[in-house]
């Protein structure tokens, strides 16, 4: 038995058939990046995205040549699509989760209504689209995050749904993710009729009639939660960090809902990890705003490495960074500081500093930020984190993985695949269709690529001093508090 996974990232769409032993076969990928018409604006063509999803999914099924038991969708979270239910066409370009055009709407919501909203959430994006393109609020419009939109497309309009892991990060749901928040809907004049039904993360939803064989749609899950399950982090206290463009730590919690959806004292915030059979498992998330972006900067802007993989080879040309410290704050600092005015900084440069020192300092700086996320998660939950499971592009960089182990003082276990999101969505669809018996079987399936033990001690005190100097560089942005 096997399942089809449609994995919709920020810059492309992947599909694969996942087998009971965890193998991914018939993998297809199509690049589908967003556009940025002006700085701070990020939007995409939802029709093109849907076409890409149908194309790669169909190719995977055709290559596999046999029926699958179900389909799982994992996607970027909080990106916002509004479409006409009669025509099936979006009313405007969809707004990506990175879009910042509603920053001042978030500030106003806090000032006027006491709502703690961030511009990466869906609520102000949805209100913006409605105000600009449907001020009269017609009844035939539908809202969805990317999972909702793709589910609508592959079921040919039969399912207008989202799951709790996606709903809980929109800013539109109650803090316990049980339903949409009528107060928030009223404040932003959002008709409840346009909202998707909230369903379990794992469970049969509807037939995906737009795909060959019409397999049942059996799972919807946000990308970071999919990565959590894909790395078998299914027991309370299990932790993974995904080091992609940014960095996301997610910790699996229990069934007790949070008392608030706001950030905690150390900068983490509650998430729905998943819901199965009506029971919701909660967790927390900590965010690094830029991770792999810093390696891209070395390659694309400074030109001191030719490929991302070369950062390891160059860093190995020196035994340490020779006192150079890099703070990876190209977009500001997330957890625990949440300082949007912090900026990327290099400290400790001397006439003897060379390319290898700078490259190593960048990798170590990202590792220090990973350790910051771990410390924040421990402080906010009271749990001891004994081991780190990681995925994302940087998980394949040996210098970085060793630096993370050294900075955090913990063993690091890279996932067997670079992107564990696909496996997580596959597990969830497979639970719903009987491929796997449940979460305990998924926990037992964990097989890391290898285990990297701490070997040295990176200077955390010097790191904290460097962060303090990088903070507040743009005071007006540092004053923003979402």
Protein backbone atom coordinates (compact mmCIF):
# COMPACT_ATOMS: atom_id res chain seq x y z
CA UNK A 1 0.00 0.00 0.00
CA UNK A 2 1.16 3.54 -0.71
CA UNK A 3 0.03 7.17 -0.86
CA UNK A 4 0.50 10.18 -3.10
CA UNK A 5 1.87 13.38 -1.58
CA UNK A 6 1.53 16.86 -3.04
CA UNK A 7 4.06 19.14 -1.33
CA UNK A 8 3.60 22.83 -2.13
CA UNK A 9 6.50 24.99 -1.03
CA UNK A 10 7.14 28.69 -1.39
CA UNK A 11 9.05 28.37 -4.67
CA UNK A 12 7.88 25.09 -6.17
CA UNK A 13 5.62 22.03 -6.11
CA UNK A 14 6.76 18.47 -5.49
CA UNK A 15 4.85 15.20 -5.72
CA UNK A 16 5.86 11.67 -4.83
CA UNK A 17 4.47 8.24 -4.10
CA UNK A 18 5.40 7.14 -0.59
CA UNK A 19 5.58 3.45 0.28
CA UNK A 20 5.07 1.72 3.62
CA UNK A 21 8.84 1.45 4.15
CA UNK A 22 9.22 5.24 3.76
CA UNK A 23 10.64 5.16 0.24
CA UNK A 24 9.70 8.07 -2.00
CA UNK A 25 9.32 7.15 -5.65
CA UNK A 26 8.04 8.78 -8.84
CA UNK A 27 9.19 12.15 -7.52
CA UNK A 28 8.25 15.11 -9.71
CA UNK A 29 9.01 18.78 -9.23
CA UNK A 30 8.04 22.01 -10.92
CA UNK A 31 9.47 25.37 -9.96
CA UNK A 32 6.73 27.91 -9.33
CA UNK A 33 8.20 30.92 -7.49
CA UNK A 34 6.20 33.92 -6.28
CA UNK A 35 6.72 37.38 -7.70
CA UNK A 36 7.66 40.57 -5.90
CA UNK A 37 6.35 43.59 -7.83
CA UNK A 38 7.71 45.96 -5.17
CA UNK A 39 9.92 45.46 -2.10
CA UNK A 40 7.92 43.82 0.67
CA UNK A 41 5.19 42.57 -1.66
CA UNK A 42 5.01 38.83 -2.41
CA UNK A 43 2.25 37.39 -4.57
CA UNK A 44 1.63 34.44 -6.86
CA UNK A 45 -0.69 33.17 -9.55
CA UNK A 46 -2.95 30.62 -7.83
CA UNK A 47 -4.11 29.22 -11.18
CA UNK A 48 -0.50 28.54 -12.19
CA UNK A 49 0.19 26.95 -8.79
CA UNK A 50 -2.84 24.67 -9.13
CA UNK A 51 -1.85 23.70 -12.66
CA UNK A 52 1.63 22.81 -11.42
CA UNK A 53 0.18 20.69 -8.61
CA UNK A 54 -2.10 18.80 -11.02
CA UNK A 55 0.75 18.31 -13.48
CA UNK A 56 3.28 16.85 -11.06
CA UNK A 57 0.69 14.74 -9.21
CA UNK A 58 -0.60 13.25 -12.45
CA UNK A 59 2.94 12.48 -13.62
CA UNK A 60 3.77 10.75 -10.33
CA UNK A 61 0.65 8.60 -10.55
CA UNK A 62 1.33 7.72 -14.19
CA UNK A 63 4.95 6.81 -13.46
CA UNK A 64 3.89 4.72 -10.47
CA UNK A 65 1.37 2.90 -12.64
CA UNK A 66 -0.76 1.58 -9.76
CA UNK A 67 -3.58 3.00 -7.65
CA UNK A 68 -2.70 4.77 -4.40
CA UNK A 69 -4.76 4.47 -1.22
CA UNK A 70 -4.95 8.20 -0.59
CA UNK A 71 -3.58 11.69 -1.15
CA UNK A 72 -1.89 13.97 1.38
CA UNK A 73 -1.34 17.70 0.85
CA UNK A 74 1.27 19.71 2.72
CA UNK A 75 1.82 23.35 1.94
CA UNK A 76 3.27 26.70 2.84
CA UNK A 77 1.12 28.19 5.58
CA UNK A 78 -0.96 31.38 5.74
CA UNK A 79 -0.60 32.34 2.08
CA UNK A 80 -4.00 33.65 1.04
CA UNK A 81 -6.21 32.86 -1.94
CA UNK A 82 -9.70 34.25 -2.63
CA UNK A 83 -11.69 32.75 -5.49
CA UNK A 84 -15.14 32.78 -7.04
CA UNK A 85 -16.93 29.51 -6.26
CA UNK A 86 -18.98 29.74 -9.46
CA UNK A 87 -16.06 30.15 -11.85
CA UNK A 88 -13.30 28.61 -9.75
CA UNK A 89 -11.05 31.54 -10.58
CA UNK A 90 -9.20 33.76 -8.06
CA UNK A 91 -10.32 37.38 -7.88
CA UNK A 92 -6.72 38.67 -7.66
CA UNK A 93 -3.15 37.44 -7.29
CA UNK A 94 -2.78 35.40 -4.12
CA UNK A 95 -0.71 36.92 -1.31
CA UNK A 96 2.29 34.95 -0.08
CA UNK A 97 2.99 34.44 3.59
CA UNK A 98 6.05 36.74 3.35
CA UNK A 99 3.97 39.63 1.99
CA UNK A 100 4.29 42.74 4.19
CA UNK A 101 1.71 45.08 2.64
CA UNK A 102 -0.55 44.77 5.71
CA UNK A 103 2.00 45.73 8.37
CA UNK A 104 0.09 48.86 9.34
CA UNK A 105 -3.19 46.94 9.41
CA UNK A 106 -1.63 44.69 12.05
CA UNK A 107 -0.51 47.71 14.07
CA UNK A 108 -4.02 49.20 13.84
CA UNK A 109 -5.61 45.91 14.90
CA UNK A 110 -3.50 45.88 18.04
CA UNK A 111 -4.09 49.55 18.83
CA UNK A 112 -7.83 49.58 18.16
CA UNK A 113 -8.90 46.05 19.05
CA UNK A 114 -6.13 44.50 21.16
CA UNK A 115 -5.47 41.81 18.54
CA UNK A 116 -1.90 40.51 18.36
CA UNK A 117 -1.55 39.81 14.64
CA UNK A 118 1.52 39.47 12.43
CA UNK A 119 1.67 40.36 8.73
CA UNK A 120 2.61 36.80 7.84
CA UNK A 121 -0.81 35.58 9.02
CA UNK A 122 -3.78 35.33 6.65
CA UNK A 123 -6.35 37.58 8.31
CA UNK A 124 -5.13 41.01 7.21
CA UNK A 125 -4.22 39.64 3.76
CA UNK A 126 -7.77 38.38 3.34
CA UNK A 127 -9.25 41.68 4.48
CA UNK A 128 -6.96 43.54 2.08
CA UNK A 129 -8.04 41.42 -0.89
CA UNK A 130 -11.72 41.85 -0.05
CA UNK A 131 -11.44 45.60 0.48
CA UNK A 132 -9.60 46.02 -2.82
CA UNK A 133 -11.57 43.61 -5.00
CA UNK A 134 -14.91 42.88 -3.32
CA UNK A 135 -15.94 45.74 -1.02
CA UNK A 136 -19.58 44.57 -1.18
CA UNK A 137 -18.68 41.08 0.11
CA UNK A 138 -20.45 38.86 -2.41
CA UNK A 139 -21.68 35.48 -1.16
CA UNK A 140 -20.02 33.41 -3.88
CA UNK A 141 -16.43 34.13 -2.86
CA UNK A 142 -14.31 31.60 -0.98
CA UNK A 143 -11.18 32.02 1.11
CA UNK A 144 -8.48 29.47 1.54
CA UNK A 145 -4.88 28.97 2.46
CA UNK A 146 -2.90 27.01 -0.13
CA UNK A 147 -4.03 23.64 1.23
CA UNK A 148 -7.68 24.73 0.87
CA UNK A 149 -7.15 25.97 -2.67
CA UNK A 150 -5.41 22.80 -3.88
CA UNK A 151 -8.00 20.61 -2.13
CA UNK A 152 -10.75 22.54 -3.93
CA UNK A 153 -8.98 22.07 -7.26
CA UNK A 154 -8.22 18.34 -7.01
CA UNK A 155 -11.73 17.55 -5.72
CA UNK A 156 -13.21 19.76 -8.47
CA UNK A 157 -15.00 21.96 -5.95
CA UNK A 158 -16.39 19.18 -3.77
CA UNK A 159 -14.26 20.09 -0.73
CA UNK A 160 -13.81 23.57 0.73
CA UNK A 161 -11.76 22.65 3.77
CA UNK A 162 -8.64 23.31 5.78
CA UNK A 163 -7.18 21.44 8.72
CA UNK A 164 -6.47 22.70 12.21
CA UNK A 165 -2.69 22.93 11.70
CA UNK A 166 -3.29 25.46 8.92
CA UNK A 167 -6.32 27.20 10.43
CA UNK A 168 -4.48 27.92 13.68
CA UNK A 169 -1.83 30.09 11.98
CA UNK A 170 -4.24 32.27 9.98
CA UNK A 171 -5.14 34.63 12.84
CA UNK A 172 -8.78 33.84 12.07
CA UNK A 173 -9.43 30.88 14.37
CA UNK A 174 -10.21 30.67 18.05
CA UNK A 175 -7.13 30.08 20.16
CA UNK A 176 -8.14 26.44 20.65
CA UNK A 177 -8.61 26.00 16.85
CA UNK A 178 -12.11 24.63 17.41
CA UNK A 179 -13.74 27.06 14.96
CA UNK A 180 -13.37 30.43 13.29
CA UNK A 181 -13.40 33.43 15.63
CA UNK A 182 -16.58 35.44 15.03
CA UNK A 183 -15.12 38.52 16.73
CA UNK A 184 -12.15 38.61 14.34
CA UNK A 185 -14.42 37.96 11.35
CA UNK A 186 -16.61 40.87 12.44
CA UNK A 187 -13.74 43.28 12.99
CA UNK A 188 -12.44 42.70 9.45
CA UNK A 189 -15.90 42.33 7.84
CA UNK A 190 -15.18 38.80 6.63
CA UNK A 191 -18.32 36.77 5.86
CA UNK A 192 -18.35 33.39 7.58
CA UNK A 193 -19.84 31.92 4.39
CA UNK A 194 -16.51 32.27 2.63
CA UNK A 195 -14.57 30.34 5.27
CA UNK A 196 -13.58 26.69 4.73
CA UNK A 197 -14.75 23.91 7.04
CA UNK A 198 -12.09 22.95 9.59
CA UNK A 199 -11.36 19.21 9.46
CA UNK A 200 -8.92 16.77 11.01
CA UNK A 201 -5.37 16.75 9.72
CA UNK A 202 -5.65 13.03 8.97
CA UNK A 203 -8.96 11.63 7.72
CA UNK A 204 -10.90 10.91 4.54
CA UNK A 205 -12.28 14.16 3.08
CA UNK A 206 -13.46 13.65 -0.51
CA UNK A 207 -12.45 11.98 -3.76
CA UNK A 208 -9.68 13.74 -5.69
CA UNK A 209 -11.61 13.40 -8.94
CA UNK A 210 -9.20 15.64 -10.89
CA UNK A 211 -6.46 13.01 -10.48
CA UNK A 212 -6.17 9.64 -12.26
CA UNK A 213 -8.11 6.98 -10.34
CA UNK A 214 -9.87 9.55 -8.10
CA UNK A 215 -8.02 8.55 -4.90
CA UNK A 216 -9.43 9.90 -1.63
CA UNK A 217 -7.99 13.12 -0.23
CA UNK A 218 -6.89 11.89 3.20
CA UNK A 219 -4.67 14.53 4.82
CA UNK A 220 -4.04 18.27 4.94
CA UNK A 221 -1.16 19.67 7.00
CA UNK A 222 1.03 22.75 7.25
CA UNK A 223 4.60 22.34 6.07
CA UNK A 224 6.32 22.65 9.44
CA UNK A 225 3.92 20.26 11.14
CA UNK A 226 4.44 17.82 8.27
CA UNK A 227 8.17 18.04 8.84
CA UNK A 228 7.61 17.36 12.56
CA UNK A 229 5.75 14.13 11.79
CA UNK A 230 8.07 13.30 8.90
CA UNK A 231 10.92 13.18 11.42
CA UNK A 232 8.85 10.93 13.72
CA UNK A 233 8.52 13.63 16.38
CA UNK A 234 5.18 12.33 17.64
CA UNK A 235 5.73 12.07 21.41
CA UNK A 236 5.64 15.01 23.85
CA UNK A 237 9.02 16.76 23.96
CA UNK A 238 10.21 15.54 20.55
CA UNK A 239 11.80 18.39 18.58
CA UNK A 240 12.83 19.05 15.01
CA UNK A 241 14.33 22.09 13.30
CA UNK A 242 13.95 22.70 9.58
CA UNK A 243 16.80 24.77 8.14
CA UNK A 244 15.49 26.00 4.81
CA UNK A 245 15.22 29.59 3.64
CA UNK A 246 14.37 30.36 7.25
CA UNK A 247 14.56 28.10 10.27
CA UNK A 248 11.64 26.61 12.19
CA UNK A 249 11.83 24.69 15.45
CA UNK A 250 8.71 22.71 16.31
CA UNK A 251 8.17 20.83 19.54
CA UNK A 252 5.50 18.18 19.94
CA UNK A 253 3.31 18.80 22.98
CA UNK A 254 0.18 17.23 24.42
CA UNK A 255 -3.60 17.52 24.08
CA UNK A 256 -4.01 20.53 26.40
CA UNK A 257 -4.92 23.65 24.37
CA UNK A 258 -3.11 26.92 25.09
CA UNK A 259 -4.84 29.67 27.04
CA UNK A 260 -3.80 32.16 24.37
CA UNK A 261 -2.55 32.17 20.81
CA UNK A 262 -0.01 34.91 21.57
CA UNK A 263 3.75 34.56 21.79
CA UNK A 264 5.17 33.35 25.09
CA UNK A 265 7.75 35.11 27.22
CA UNK A 266 10.69 33.67 25.28
CA UNK A 267 9.28 34.31 21.83
CA UNK A 268 7.73 30.95 20.92
CA UNK A 269 4.06 30.55 20.08
CA UNK A 270 1.54 27.71 20.19
CA UNK A 271 0.68 25.66 17.11
CA UNK A 272 -1.63 22.79 16.32
CA UNK A 273 0.73 19.95 15.52
CA UNK A 274 -2.09 17.78 14.08
CA UNK A 275 -5.55 16.47 14.80
CA UNK A 276 -6.62 12.87 14.33
CA UNK A 277 -9.99 11.39 15.22
CA UNK A 278 -11.13 14.68 16.71
CA UNK A 279 -8.19 14.80 19.18
CA UNK A 280 -5.83 17.74 18.73
CA UNK A 281 -2.13 17.54 19.56
CA UNK A 282 -0.55 20.89 20.34
CA UNK A 283 3.02 22.10 20.11
CA UNK A 284 5.12 25.22 20.02
CA UNK A 285 7.12 26.88 17.28
CA UNK A 286 10.20 29.09 17.28
CA UNK A 287 11.34 30.95 14.20
CA UNK A 288 14.63 32.03 12.64
CA UNK A 289 13.81 34.57 9.92
CA UNK A 290 16.84 33.76 7.78
CA UNK A 291 18.83 30.53 7.67
CA UNK A 292 19.75 29.23 4.20
CA UNK A 293 19.23 32.78 2.92
CA UNK A 294 22.61 33.62 4.44
CA UNK A 295 24.36 30.97 2.36
CA UNK A 296 22.52 32.28 -0.70
CA UNK A 297 23.93 35.72 0.17
CA UNK A 298 27.47 34.32 0.19
CA UNK A 299 26.86 32.77 -3.22
CA UNK A 300 24.63 35.20 -5.09
CA UNK A 301 25.57 38.58 -3.66
CA UNK A 302 29.12 38.35 -2.32
CA UNK A 303 30.23 35.74 -4.86
CA UNK A 304 32.68 34.11 -2.46
CA UNK A 305 31.25 30.61 -3.00
CA UNK A 306 30.06 29.09 -6.27
CA UNK A 307 27.42 26.75 -4.82
CA UNK A 308 25.69 26.32 -1.49
CA UNK A 309 27.41 22.95 -1.03
CA UNK A 310 30.82 24.62 -1.47
CA UNK A 311 30.30 26.48 1.83
CA UNK A 312 31.28 23.26 3.62
CA UNK A 313 34.45 22.80 1.57
CA UNK A 314 35.55 26.41 2.05
CA UNK A 315 34.77 26.39 5.78
CA UNK A 316 36.93 23.29 6.21
CA UNK A 317 39.98 25.28 5.08
CA UNK A 318 40.24 26.74 8.60
CA UNK A 319 39.98 25.07 12.00
CA UNK A 320 37.84 27.86 13.44
CA UNK A 321 36.48 31.29 12.52
CA UNK A 322 39.48 33.04 14.17
CA UNK A 323 37.26 35.23 16.35
CA UNK A 324 34.88 36.27 13.54
CA UNK A 325 31.20 36.18 14.53
CA UNK A 326 28.31 36.55 12.11
CA UNK A 327 24.75 37.40 13.20
CA UNK A 328 22.31 36.09 10.53
CA UNK A 329 19.75 38.89 10.80
CA UNK A 330 19.27 39.78 7.14
CA UNK A 331 15.52 40.11 7.79
CA UNK A 332 15.73 40.89 11.48
CA UNK A 333 15.66 38.45 14.38
CA UNK A 334 12.78 36.14 15.28
CA UNK A 335 12.66 34.00 18.42
CA UNK A 336 13.47 34.98 21.13
CA UNK A 337 14.06 38.66 20.29
CA UNK A 338 11.51 39.49 17.60
CA UNK A 339 13.50 42.53 16.51
CA UNK A 340 12.63 43.43 12.91
CA UNK A 341 15.20 46.23 13.00
CA UNK A 342 18.18 43.99 13.73
CA UNK A 343 20.50 43.52 10.77
CA UNK A 344 23.08 41.00 9.65
CA UNK A 345 26.47 41.78 11.13
CA UNK A 346 30.08 40.59 11.00
CA UNK A 347 32.26 41.21 14.05
CA UNK A 348 35.89 40.50 14.82
CA UNK A 349 37.36 41.13 11.37
CA UNK A 350 41.12 41.65 11.15
CA UNK A 351 43.64 42.00 8.34
CA UNK A 352 44.14 38.24 8.65
CA UNK A 353 40.47 37.39 8.10
CA UNK A 354 40.02 35.40 4.90
CA UNK A 355 37.21 33.87 2.89
CA UNK A 356 37.20 30.62 4.85
CA UNK A 357 36.81 32.47 8.16
CA UNK A 358 33.81 34.41 6.86
CA UNK A 359 32.12 31.34 5.42
CA UNK A 360 32.65 29.36 8.62
CA UNK A 361 31.39 32.30 10.69
CA UNK A 362 28.18 32.39 8.62
CA UNK A 363 27.53 28.66 9.14
CA UNK A 364 28.33 28.96 12.86
CA UNK A 365 26.06 32.02 13.16
CA UNK A 366 23.12 30.05 11.77
CA UNK A 367 23.99 27.26 14.20
CA UNK A 368 24.01 29.72 17.12
CA UNK A 369 20.55 30.90 16.08
CA UNK A 370 19.42 27.26 16.11
CA UNK A 371 20.70 26.97 19.66
CA UNK A 372 18.78 30.15 20.53
CA UNK A 373 15.57 28.48 19.37
CA UNK A 374 16.30 25.42 21.49
CA UNK A 375 16.92 27.51 24.60
CA UNK A 376 13.71 29.48 24.03
CA UNK A 377 11.66 26.30 23.59
CA UNK A 378 13.07 24.83 26.79
CA UNK A 379 12.40 28.04 28.72
CA UNK A 380 8.80 28.34 27.50
CA UNK A 381 7.86 24.69 28.01
CA UNK A 382 10.01 23.58 30.94
CA UNK A 383 11.03 20.52 28.91
CA UNK A 384 14.60 19.33 28.46
CA UNK A 385 15.48 18.81 24.81
CA UNK A 386 17.95 15.95 24.62
CA UNK A 387 18.45 15.52 20.87
CA UNK A 388 17.78 17.60 17.76
CA UNK A 389 16.33 16.15 14.58
CA UNK A 390 16.87 18.36 11.54
CA UNK A 391 15.97 18.60 7.88
CA UNK A 392 16.20 21.24 5.16
CA UNK A 393 19.04 22.09 2.81
CA UNK A 394 21.54 22.89 5.56
CA UNK A 395 21.04 19.45 7.11
CA UNK A 396 23.27 18.13 4.30
CA UNK A 397 26.15 20.48 5.22
CA UNK A 398 28.57 18.64 7.56
CA UNK A 399 30.24 21.82 8.85
CA UNK A 400 26.90 23.33 9.78
CA UNK A 401 25.57 20.17 11.43
CA UNK A 402 28.70 19.88 13.58
CA UNK A 403 28.45 23.58 14.50
CA UNK A 404 24.82 23.08 15.54
CA UNK A 405 25.80 20.18 17.77
CA UNK A 406 28.60 22.28 19.27
CA UNK A 407 26.48 25.41 19.78
CA UNK A 408 23.54 23.54 21.31
CA UNK A 409 25.59 20.96 23.22
CA UNK A 410 23.28 18.21 21.94
CA UNK A 411 23.46 15.32 19.49
CA UNK A 412 22.03 16.18 16.07
CA UNK A 413 20.22 13.65 13.89
CA UNK A 414 19.78 14.69 10.23
CA UNK A 415 16.67 13.25 8.60
CA UNK A 416 17.11 10.52 5.97
CA UNK A 417 15.66 12.92 3.36
CA UNK A 418 16.45 16.60 3.02
CA UNK A 419 12.77 17.64 2.99
CA UNK A 420 10.81 15.67 5.59
CA UNK A 421 7.57 17.54 4.82
CA UNK A 422 6.73 15.05 2.06
CA UNK A 423 7.14 12.09 4.41
CA UNK A 424 4.99 13.74 7.08
CA UNK A 425 2.07 14.32 4.75
CA UNK A 426 2.47 10.75 3.51
CA UNK A 427 2.35 9.35 7.02
CA UNK A 428 -0.84 11.29 7.79
CA UNK A 429 -2.59 10.20 4.61
CA UNK A 430 -1.44 6.65 5.29
CA UNK A 431 -2.84 6.64 8.82
CA UNK A 432 -6.23 7.65 7.41
CA UNK A 433 -6.15 4.87 4.79
CA UNK A 434 -4.59 2.06 6.83
CA UNK A 435 -1.07 2.09 5.41
CA UNK A 436 0.24 2.78 8.92
CA UNK A 437 -1.52 1.76 12.13
CA UNK A 438 -0.84 5.00 13.97
CA UNK A 439 1.71 7.35 15.47
CA UNK A 440 3.60 4.68 17.41
CA UNK A 441 4.47 2.90 14.18
CA UNK A 442 5.70 6.20 12.76
CA UNK A 443 7.83 6.82 15.86
CA UNK A 444 9.46 3.41 15.41
CA UNK A 445 10.25 4.15 11.76
CA UNK A 446 12.79 6.91 12.54
CA UNK A 447 16.17 6.22 10.95
CA UNK A 448 18.46 9.27 10.91
CA UNK A 449 21.09 9.63 8.24
CA UNK A 450 23.69 9.60 11.03
CA UNK A 451 24.21 11.08 14.51
CA UNK A 452 26.58 14.01 15.09
CA UNK A 453 27.78 14.44 18.67
CA UNK A 454 29.06 17.73 20.15
CA UNK A 455 32.81 17.92 19.66
CA UNK A 456 33.77 21.43 20.79
CA UNK A 457 32.18 24.37 22.57
CA UNK A 458 31.21 27.46 20.62
CA UNK A 459 31.42 30.65 22.66
CA UNK A 460 27.80 31.45 23.49
CA UNK A 461 28.70 34.50 25.61
CA UNK A 462 30.54 36.10 22.69
CA UNK A 463 27.57 35.21 20.49
CA UNK A 464 25.11 36.97 22.81
CA UNK A 465 27.30 40.07 22.80
CA UNK A 466 27.32 40.08 19.01
CA UNK A 467 23.51 39.76 18.91
CA UNK A 468 23.15 42.68 21.33
CA UNK A 469 25.23 44.85 18.99
CA UNK A 470 23.26 43.79 15.89
CA UNK A 471 19.90 44.60 17.46
CA UNK A 472 18.10 47.93 17.06
CA UNK A 473 19.99 48.89 13.90
CA UNK A 474 16.81 50.36 12.40
CA UNK A 475 15.01 51.74 15.46
CA UNK A 476 11.65 52.29 13.76
CA UNK A 477 11.50 48.66 12.71
CA UNK A 478 12.77 47.48 16.07
CA UNK A 479 9.87 49.31 17.69
CA UNK A 480 7.33 47.19 15.80
CA UNK A 481 5.69 44.54 17.97
CA UNK A 482 3.27 42.09 16.37
